[in-house]
Amino acid sequence: IAEAYHYMRVVVGLTVRESAGVFAEWAGSR
């Protein structure tokens, strides 16, 4: 999970708030 977050921030370029939104979406997925 930490690696996925790091990837979001550095590679995808998401903000912390945007990353929080992605994880919130994933919490309703597989």
Full PDB file with SEQRES, HELIX, SHEET, SSBOND, CRYST1, ORIGX, SCALE, CONECT and MASTER records, all heavy atoms in Angstrom:
SEQRES   1 A   30  ILE ALA GLU ALA TYR HIS TYR MET ARG VAL VAL VAL GLY          
SEQRES   2 A   30  LEU THR VAL ARG GLU SER ALA GLY VAL PHE ALA GLU TRP          
SEQRES   3 A   30  ALA GLY SER ARG                                              
HELIX    1 AA1 ALA A    2  TYR A    7  1                                   6    
HELIX    2 AA2 MET A    8  VAL A   12  3                                   5    
HELIX    3 AA3 VAL A   16  TRP A   26  1                                  11    
CRYST1    1.000    1.000    1.000  90.00  90.00  90.00 P 1           1          
ORIGX1      1.000000  0.000000  0.000000        0.00000                         
ORIGX2      0.000000  1.000000  0.000000        0.00000                         
ORIGX3      0.000000  0.000000  1.000000        0.00000                         
SCALE1      1.000000  0.000000  0.000000        0.00000                         
SCALE2      0.000000  1.000000  0.000000        0.00000                         
SCALE3      0.000000  0.000000  1.000000        0.00000                         
ATOM      1  N   ILE A   1       0.840  -1.203   0.000  1.00  0.00           N  
ATOM      2  CA  ILE A   1       0.000   0.000   0.000  1.00  0.00           C  
ATOM      3  C   ILE A   1       0.876   1.255   0.000  1.00  0.00           C  
ATOM      4  O   ILE A   1       0.599   2.227  -0.712  1.00  0.00           O  
ATOM      5  CB  ILE A   1      -0.956  -0.021   1.205  1.00  0.00           C  
ATOM      6  CG1 ILE A   1      -2.024  -1.098   1.002  1.00  0.00           C  
ATOM      7  CG2 ILE A   1      -1.615   1.338   1.421  1.00  0.00           C  
ATOM      8  CD1 ILE A   1      -2.888  -1.357   2.219  1.00  0.00           C  
ATOM      9  N   ALA A   2       1.939   1.229   0.810  1.00  0.00           N  
ATOM     10  CA  ALA A   2       2.846   2.373   0.859  1.00  0.00           C  
ATOM     11  C   ALA A   2       3.503   2.604  -0.506  1.00  0.00           C  
ATOM     12  O   ALA A   2       3.666   3.754  -0.948  1.00  0.00           O  
ATOM     13  CB  ALA A   2       3.897   2.172   1.939  1.00  0.00           C  
ATOM     14  N   GLU A   3       3.886   1.517  -1.172  1.00  0.00           N  
ATOM     15  CA  GLU A   3       4.494   1.650  -2.495  1.00  0.00           C  
ATOM     16  C   GLU A   3       3.501   2.221  -3.496  1.00  0.00           C  
ATOM     17  O   GLU A   3       3.855   3.055  -4.343  1.00  0.00           O  
ATOM     18  CB  GLU A   3       5.015   0.289  -2.962  1.00  0.00           C  
ATOM     19  CG  GLU A   3       6.215  -0.207  -2.174  1.00  0.00           C  
ATOM     20  CD  GLU A   3       6.651  -1.607  -2.558  1.00  0.00           C  
ATOM     21  OE1 GLU A   3       6.157  -2.139  -3.576  1.00  0.00           O  
ATOM     22  OE2 GLU A   3       7.490  -2.173  -1.838  1.00  0.00           O  
ATOM     23  N   ALA A   4       2.250   1.782  -3.415  1.00  0.00           N  
ATOM     24  CA  ALA A   4       1.218   2.313  -4.322  1.00  0.00           C  
ATOM     25  C   ALA A   4       1.030   3.811  -4.089  1.00  0.00           C  
ATOM     26  O   ALA A   4       0.885   4.598  -5.045  1.00  0.00           O  
ATOM     27  CB  ALA A   4      -0.095   1.566  -4.109  1.00  0.00           C  
ATOM     28  N   TYR A   5       1.032   4.225  -2.825  1.00  0.00           N  
ATOM     29  CA  TYR A   5       0.884   5.647  -2.508  1.00  0.00           C  
ATOM     30  C   TYR A   5       2.067   6.453  -3.060  1.00  0.00           C  
ATOM     31  O   TYR A   5       1.888   7.523  -3.658  1.00  0.00           O  
ATOM     32  CB  TYR A   5       0.770   5.831  -0.995  1.00  0.00           C  
ATOM     33  CG  TYR A   5       0.891   7.263  -0.549  1.00  0.00           C  
ATOM     34  CD1 TYR A   5      -0.072   8.205  -0.905  1.00  0.00           C  
ATOM     35  CD2 TYR A   5       1.992   7.691   0.199  1.00  0.00           C  
ATOM     36  CE1 TYR A   5       0.046   9.531  -0.521  1.00  0.00           C  
ATOM     37  CE2 TYR A   5       2.118   9.013   0.594  1.00  0.00           C  
ATOM     38  CZ  TYR A   5       1.142   9.932   0.229  1.00  0.00           C  
ATOM     39  OH  TYR A   5       1.259  11.251   0.608  1.00  0.00           O  
ATOM     40  N   HIS A   6       3.277   5.942  -2.850  1.00  0.00           N  
ATOM     41  CA  HIS A   6       4.470   6.621  -3.358  1.00  0.00           C  
ATOM     42  C   HIS A   6       4.397   6.777  -4.873  1.00  0.00           C  
ATOM     43  O   HIS A   6       4.725   7.836  -5.434  1.00  0.00           O  
ATOM     44  CB  HIS A   6       5.712   5.819  -2.953  1.00  0.00           C  
ATOM     45  CG  HIS A   6       6.994   6.566  -3.103  1.00  0.00           C  
ATOM     46  ND1 HIS A   6       8.224   5.939  -3.033  1.00  0.00           N  
ATOM     47  CD2 HIS A   6       7.270   7.869  -3.329  1.00  0.00           C  
ATOM     48  CE1 HIS A   6       9.181   6.833  -3.197  1.00  0.00           C  
ATOM     49  NE2 HIS A   6       8.630   8.014  -3.390  1.00  0.00           N  
ATOM     50  N   TYR A   7       3.944   5.734  -5.553  1.00  0.00           N  
ATOM     51  CA  TYR A   7       3.799   5.763  -7.006  1.00  0.00           C  
ATOM     52  C   TYR A   7       2.781   6.832  -7.422  1.00  0.00           C  
ATOM     53  O   TYR A   7       3.007   7.587  -8.372  1.00  0.00           O  
ATOM     54  CB  TYR A   7       3.355   4.383  -7.486  1.00  0.00           C  
ATOM     55  CG  TYR A   7       3.236   4.223  -8.976  1.00  0.00           C  
ATOM     56  CD1 TYR A   7       4.298   3.722  -9.730  1.00  0.00           C  
ATOM     57  CD2 TYR A   7       2.059   4.551  -9.648  1.00  0.00           C  
ATOM     58  CE1 TYR A   7       4.188   3.554 -11.102  1.00  0.00           C  
ATOM     59  CE2 TYR A   7       1.939   4.392 -11.021  1.00  0.00           C  
ATOM     60  CZ  TYR A   7       3.006   3.896 -11.744  1.00  0.00           C  
ATOM     61  OH  TYR A   7       2.897   3.741 -13.111  1.00  0.00           O  
ATOM     62  N   MET A   8       1.667   6.898  -6.699  1.00  0.00           N  
ATOM     63  CA  MET A   8       0.656   7.920  -7.006  1.00  0.00           C  
ATOM     64  C   MET A   8       1.249   9.319  -6.950  1.00  0.00           C  
ATOM     65  O   MET A   8       0.993  10.168  -7.807  1.00  0.00           O  
ATOM     66  CB  MET A   8      -0.496   7.845  -5.987  1.00  0.00           C  
ATOM     67  CG  MET A   8      -1.419   6.681  -6.117  1.00  0.00           C  
ATOM     68  SD  MET A   8      -2.685   6.787  -4.812  1.00  0.00           S  
ATOM     69  CE  MET A   8      -3.407   5.148  -4.926  1.00  0.00           C  
ATOM     70  N   ARG A   9       2.039   9.557  -5.917  1.00  0.00           N  
ATOM     71  CA  ARG A   9       2.566  10.899  -5.689  1.00  0.00           C  
ATOM     72  C   ARG A   9       3.659  11.266  -6.692  1.00  0.00           C  
ATOM     73  O   ARG A   9       3.661  12.370  -7.230  1.00  0.00           O  
ATOM     74  CB  ARG A   9       3.118  11.000  -4.259  1.00  0.00           C  
ATOM     75  CG  ARG A   9       2.094  10.749  -3.182  1.00  0.00           C  
ATOM     76  CD  ARG A   9       1.207  11.954  -2.926  1.00  0.00           C  
ATOM     77  NE  ARG A   9       1.925  12.951  -2.163  1.00  0.00           N  
ATOM     78  CZ  ARG A   9       2.188  14.184  -2.578  1.00  0.00           C  
ATOM     79  NH1 ARG A   9       1.807  14.570  -3.771  1.00  0.00           N  
ATOM     80  NH2 ARG A   9       2.840  15.041  -1.813  1.00  0.00           N  
ATOM     81  N   VAL A  10       4.590  10.328  -6.948  1.00  0.00           N  
ATOM     82  CA  VAL A  10       5.770  10.665  -7.746  1.00  0.00           C  
ATOM     83  C   VAL A  10       5.544  10.421  -9.241  1.00  0.00           C  
ATOM     84  O   VAL A  10       5.915  11.247 -10.076  1.00  0.00           O  
ATOM     85  CB  VAL A  10       7.000   9.871  -7.256  1.00  0.00           C  
ATOM     86  CG1 VAL A  10       8.216  10.198  -8.116  1.00  0.00           C  
ATOM     87  CG2 VAL A  10       7.277  10.183  -5.792  1.00  0.00           C  
ATOM     88  N   VAL A  11       4.962   9.280  -9.577  1.00  0.00           N  
ATOM     89  CA  VAL A  11       4.821   8.927 -10.989  1.00  0.00           C  
ATOM     90  C   VAL A  11       3.546   9.514 -11.589  1.00  0.00           C  
ATOM     91  O   VAL A  11       3.571  10.130 -12.659  1.00  0.00           O  
ATOM     92  CB  VAL A  11       4.852   7.394 -11.169  1.00  0.00           C  
ATOM     93  CG1 VAL A  11       4.702   7.032 -12.650  1.00  0.00           C  
ATOM     94  CG2 VAL A  11       6.139   6.816 -10.610  1.00  0.00           C  
ATOM     95  N   VAL A  12       2.420   9.325 -10.904  1.00  0.00           N  
ATOM     96  CA  VAL A  12       1.146   9.817 -11.438  1.00  0.00           C  
ATOM     97  C   VAL A  12       0.990  11.313 -11.172  1.00  0.00           C  
ATOM     98  O   VAL A  12       0.308  12.019 -11.903  1.00  0.00           O  
ATOM     99  CB  VAL A  12      -0.040   9.028 -10.834  1.00  0.00           C  
ATOM    100  CG1 VAL A  12      -1.346   9.426 -11.507  1.00  0.00           C  
ATOM    101  CG2 VAL A  12       0.180   7.518 -10.986  1.00  0.00           C  
ATOM    102  N   GLY A  13       1.614  11.808 -10.104  1.00  0.00           N  
ATOM    103  CA  GLY A  13       1.561  13.222  -9.809  1.00  0.00           C  
ATOM    104  C   GLY A  13       0.340  13.667  -9.038  1.00  0.00           C  
ATOM    105  O   GLY A  13      -0.079  14.830  -9.135  1.00  0.00           O  
ATOM    106  N   LEU A  14      -0.252  12.772  -8.244  1.00  0.00           N  
ATOM    107  CA  LEU A  14      -1.424  13.130  -7.453  1.00  0.00           C  
ATOM    108  C   LEU A  14      -1.022  13.888  -6.196  1.00  0.00           C  
ATOM    109  O   LEU A  14       0.081  13.713  -5.667  1.00  0.00           O  
ATOM    110  CB  LEU A  14      -2.199  11.879  -7.038  1.00  0.00           C  
ATOM    111  CG  LEU A  14      -2.747  10.964  -8.129  1.00  0.00           C  
ATOM    112  CD1 LEU A  14      -3.657   9.903  -7.503  1.00  0.00           C  
ATOM    113  CD2 LEU A  14      -3.502  11.746  -9.195  1.00  0.00           C  
ATOM    114  N   THR A  15      -1.915  14.727  -5.708  1.00  0.00           N  
ATOM    115  CA  THR A  15      -1.727  15.348  -4.405  1.00  0.00           C  
ATOM    116  C   THR A  15      -2.095  14.348  -3.322  1.00  0.00           C  
ATOM    117  O   THR A  15      -2.671  13.275  -3.603  1.00  0.00           O  
ATOM    118  CB  THR A  15      -2.621  16.579  -4.250  1.00  0.00           C  
ATOM    119  OG1 THR A  15      -4.003  16.160  -4.273  1.00  0.00           O  
ATOM    120  CG2 THR A  15      -2.379  17.583  -5.375  1.00  0.00           C  
ATOM    121  N   VAL A  16      -1.799  14.677  -2.079  1.00  0.00           N  
ATOM    122  CA  VAL A  16      -2.185  13.793  -0.977  1.00  0.00           C  
ATOM    123  C   VAL A  16      -3.700  13.644  -0.932  1.00  0.00           C  
ATOM    124  O   VAL A  16      -4.225  12.537  -0.756  1.00  0.00           O  
ATOM    125  CB  VAL A  16      -1.655  14.336   0.361  1.00  0.00           C  
ATOM    126  CG1 VAL A  16      -2.146  13.477   1.525  1.00  0.00           C  
ATOM    127  CG2 VAL A  16      -0.134  14.392   0.359  1.00  0.00           C  
ATOM    128  N   ARG A  17      -4.424  14.747  -1.104  1.00  0.00           N  
ATOM    129  CA  ARG A  17      -5.889  14.688  -1.068  1.00  0.00           C  
ATOM    130  C   ARG A  17      -6.429  13.806  -2.202  1.00  0.00           C  
ATOM    131  O   ARG A  17      -7.346  13.018  -2.005  1.00  0.00           O  
ATOM    132  CB  ARG A  17      -6.469  16.094  -1.178  1.00  0.00           C  
ATOM    133  CG  ARG A  17      -8.003  16.134  -1.133  1.00  0.00           C  
ATOM    134  CD  ARG A  17      -8.518  17.547  -1.288  1.00  0.00           C  
ATOM    135  NE  ARG A  17      -8.154  18.358  -0.154  1.00  0.00           N  
ATOM    136  CZ  ARG A  17      -8.865  18.406   0.965  1.00  0.00           C  
ATOM    137  NH1 ARG A  17      -9.964  17.660   1.087  1.00  0.00           N  
ATOM    138  NH2 ARG A  17      -8.484  19.173   1.962  1.00  0.00           N  
ATOM    139  N   GLU A  18      -5.851  13.960  -3.391  1.00  0.00           N  
ATOM    140  CA  GLU A  18      -6.294  13.129  -4.524  1.00  0.00           C  
ATOM    141  C   GLU A  18      -5.998  11.657  -4.255  1.00  0.00           C  
ATOM    142  O   GLU A  18      -6.802  10.776  -4.595  1.00  0.00           O  
ATOM    143  CB  GLU A  18      -5.614  13.597  -5.800  1.00  0.00           C  
ATOM    144  CG  GLU A  18      -6.117  14.942  -6.312  1.00  0.00           C  
ATOM    145  CD  GLU A  18      -5.273  15.487  -7.448  1.00  0.00           C  
ATOM    146  OE1 GLU A  18      -4.058  15.141  -7.528  1.00  0.00           O  
ATOM    147  OE2 GLU A  18      -5.802  16.266  -8.257  1.00  0.00           O  
ATOM    148  N   SER A  19      -4.840  11.380  -3.651  1.00  0.00           N  
ATOM    149  CA  SER A  19      -4.496   9.997  -3.311  1.00  0.00           C  
ATOM    150  C   SER A  19      -5.493   9.427  -2.308  1.00  0.00           C  
ATOM    151  O   SER A  19      -5.901   8.260  -2.411  1.00  0.00           O  
ATOM    152  CB  SER A  19      -3.077   9.938  -2.738  1.00  0.00           C  
ATOM    153  OG  SER A  19      -2.127  10.412  -3.670  1.00  0.00           O  
ATOM    154  N   ALA A  20      -5.896  10.240  -1.342  1.00  0.00           N  
ATOM    155  CA  ALA A  20      -6.898   9.794  -0.371  1.00  0.00           C  
ATOM    156  C   ALA A  20      -8.179   9.395  -1.075  1.00  0.00           C  
ATOM    157  O   ALA A  20      -8.824   8.385  -0.731  1.00  0.00           O  
ATOM    158  CB  ALA A  20      -7.170  10.901   0.650  1.00  0.00           C  
ATOM    159  N   GLY A  21      -8.565  10.170  -2.094  1.00  0.00           N  
ATOM    160  CA  GLY A  21      -9.775   9.850  -2.846  1.00  0.00           C  
ATOM    161  C   GLY A  21      -9.665   8.536  -3.586  1.00  0.00           C  
ATOM    162  O   GLY A  21     -10.644   7.756  -3.651  1.00  0.00           O  
ATOM    163  N   VAL A  22      -8.483   8.244  -4.139  1.00  0.00           N  
ATOM    164  CA  VAL A  22      -8.291   6.973  -4.850  1.00  0.00           C  
ATOM    165  C   VAL A  22      -8.425   5.797  -3.883  1.00  0.00           C  
ATOM    166  O   VAL A  22      -9.109   4.809  -4.165  1.00  0.00           O  
ATOM    167  CB  VAL A  22      -6.920   6.943  -5.554  1.00  0.00           C  
ATOM    168  CG1 VAL A  22      -6.664   5.554  -6.154  1.00  0.00           C  
ATOM    169  CG2 VAL A  22      -6.850   8.015  -6.635  1.00  0.00           C  
ATOM    170  N   PHE A  23      -7.781   5.909  -2.725  1.00  0.00           N  
ATOM    171  CA  PHE A  23      -7.875   4.816  -1.756  1.00  0.00           C  
ATOM    172  C   PHE A  23      -9.309   4.655  -1.246  1.00  0.00           C  
ATOM    173  O   PHE A  23      -9.754   3.537  -0.985  1.00  0.00           O  
ATOM    174  CB  PHE A  23      -6.900   5.039  -0.600  1.00  0.00           C  
ATOM    175  CG  PHE A  23      -5.500   4.611  -0.897  1.00  0.00           C  
ATOM    176  CD1 PHE A  23      -4.513   5.546  -1.201  1.00  0.00           C  
ATOM    177  CD2 PHE A  23      -5.153   3.268  -0.899  1.00  0.00           C  
ATOM    178  CE1 PHE A  23      -3.216   5.147  -1.490  1.00  0.00           C  
ATOM    179  CE2 PHE A  23      -3.858   2.853  -1.190  1.00  0.00           C  
ATOM    180  CZ  PHE A  23      -2.882   3.801  -1.489  1.00  0.00           C  
ATOM    181  N   ALA A  24     -10.036   5.755  -1.114  1.00  0.00           N  
ATOM    182  CA  ALA A  24     -11.438   5.664  -0.698  1.00  0.00           C  
ATOM    183  C   ALA A  24     -12.253   4.908  -1.752  1.00  0.00           C  
ATOM    184  O   ALA A  24     -13.133   4.109  -1.411  1.00  0.00           O  
ATOM    185  CB  ALA A  24     -12.009   7.059  -0.475  1.00  0.00           C  
ATOM    186  N   GLU A  25     -11.971   5.151  -3.041  1.00  0.00           N  
ATOM    187  CA  GLU A  25     -12.650   4.405  -4.104  1.00  0.00           C  
ATOM    188  C   GLU A  25     -12.271   2.930  -4.055  1.00  0.00           C  
ATOM    189  O   GLU A  25     -13.118   2.048  -4.208  1.00  0.00           O  
ATOM    190  CB  GLU A  25     -12.293   5.000  -5.467  1.00  0.00           C  
ATOM    191  CG  GLU A  25     -12.891   6.368  -5.738  1.00  0.00           C  
ATOM    192  CD  GLU A  25     -12.494   6.884  -7.107  1.00  0.00           C  
ATOM    193  OE1 GLU A  25     -11.949   6.084  -7.921  1.00  0.00           O  
ATOM    194  OE2 GLU A  25     -12.708   8.082  -7.375  1.00  0.00           O  
ATOM    195  N   TRP A  26     -10.994   2.660  -3.858  1.00  0.00           N  
ATOM    196  CA  TRP A  26     -10.534   1.272  -3.809  1.00  0.00           C  
ATOM    197  C   TRP A  26     -11.158   0.514  -2.638  1.00  0.00           C  
ATOM    198  O   TRP A  26     -11.341  -0.701  -2.703  1.00  0.00           O  
ATOM    199  CB  TRP A  26      -9.008   1.236  -3.693  1.00  0.00           C  
ATOM    200  CG  TRP A  26      -8.305   1.546  -4.986  1.00  0.00           C  
ATOM    201  CD1 TRP A  26      -8.871   1.736  -6.212  1.00  0.00           C  
ATOM    202  CD2 TRP A  26      -6.893   1.693  -5.182  1.00  0.00           C  
ATOM    203  NE1 TRP A  26      -7.913   2.001  -7.156  1.00  0.00           N  
ATOM    204  CE2 TRP A  26      -6.685   1.972  -6.553  1.00  0.00           C  
ATOM    205  CE3 TRP A  26      -5.794   1.620  -4.338  1.00  0.00           C  
ATOM    206  CZ2 TRP A  26      -5.421   2.169  -7.094  1.00  0.00           C  
ATOM    207  CZ3 TRP A  26      -4.530   1.813  -4.871  1.00  0.00           C  
ATOM    208  CH2 TRP A  26      -4.345   2.082  -6.227  1.00  0.00           C  
ATOM    209  N   ALA A  27     -11.488   1.235  -1.563  1.00  0.00           N  
ATOM    210  CA  ALA A  27     -12.089   0.586  -0.402  1.00  0.00           C  
ATOM    211  C   ALA A  27     -13.456  -0.014  -0.741  1.00  0.00           C  
ATOM    212  O   ALA A  27     -13.971  -0.853   0.007  1.00  0.00           O  
ATOM    213  CB  ALA A  27     -12.221   1.570   0.752  1.00  0.00           C  
ATOM    214  N   GLY A  28     -14.047   0.407  -1.850  1.00  0.00           N  
ATOM    215  CA  GLY A  28     -15.308  -0.171  -2.276  1.00  0.00           C  
ATOM    216  C   GLY A  28     -15.157  -1.136  -3.435  1.00  0.00           C  
ATOM    217  O   GLY A  28     -16.141  -1.498  -4.077  1.00  0.00           O  
ATOM    218  N   SER A  29     -13.931  -1.564  -3.702  1.00  0.00           N  
ATOM    219  CA  SER A  29     -13.658  -2.443  -4.833  1.00  0.00           C  
ATOM    220  C   SER A  29     -13.129  -3.792  -4.342  1.00  0.00           C  
ATOM    221  O   SER A  29     -13.241  -4.125  -3.171  1.00  0.00           O  
ATOM    222  CB  SER A  29     -12.619  -1.780  -5.747  1.00  0.00           C  
ATOM    223  OG  SER A  29     -11.326  -1.807  -5.135  1.00  0.00           O  
ATOM    224  N   ARG A  30     -12.533  -4.553  -5.247  1.00  0.00           N  
ATOM    225  CA  ARG A  30     -11.942  -5.837  -4.878  1.00  0.00           C  
ATOM    226  C   ARG A  30     -10.790  -5.651  -3.890  1.00  0.00           C  
ATOM    227  O   ARG A  30     -10.366  -6.614  -3.241  1.00  0.00           O  
ATOM    228  CB  ARG A  30     -11.432  -6.564  -6.122  1.00  0.00           C  
ATOM    229  CG  ARG A  30     -10.377  -5.761  -6.889  1.00  0.00           C  
ATOM    230  CD  ARG A  30      -9.941  -6.443  -8.163  1.00  0.00           C  
ATOM    231  NE  ARG A  30      -9.068  -5.571  -8.937  1.00  0.00           N  
ATOM    232  CZ  ARG A  30      -8.429  -5.971 -10.026  1.00  0.00           C  
ATOM    233  NH1 ARG A  30      -8.550  -7.219 -10.463  1.00  0.00           N  
ATOM    234  NH2 ARG A  30      -7.661  -5.127 -10.697  1.00  0.00           N  
TER     235      ARG A  30                                                      
MASTER        0    0    0    3    0    0    0    6  234    1    0    3          
END                                                                             
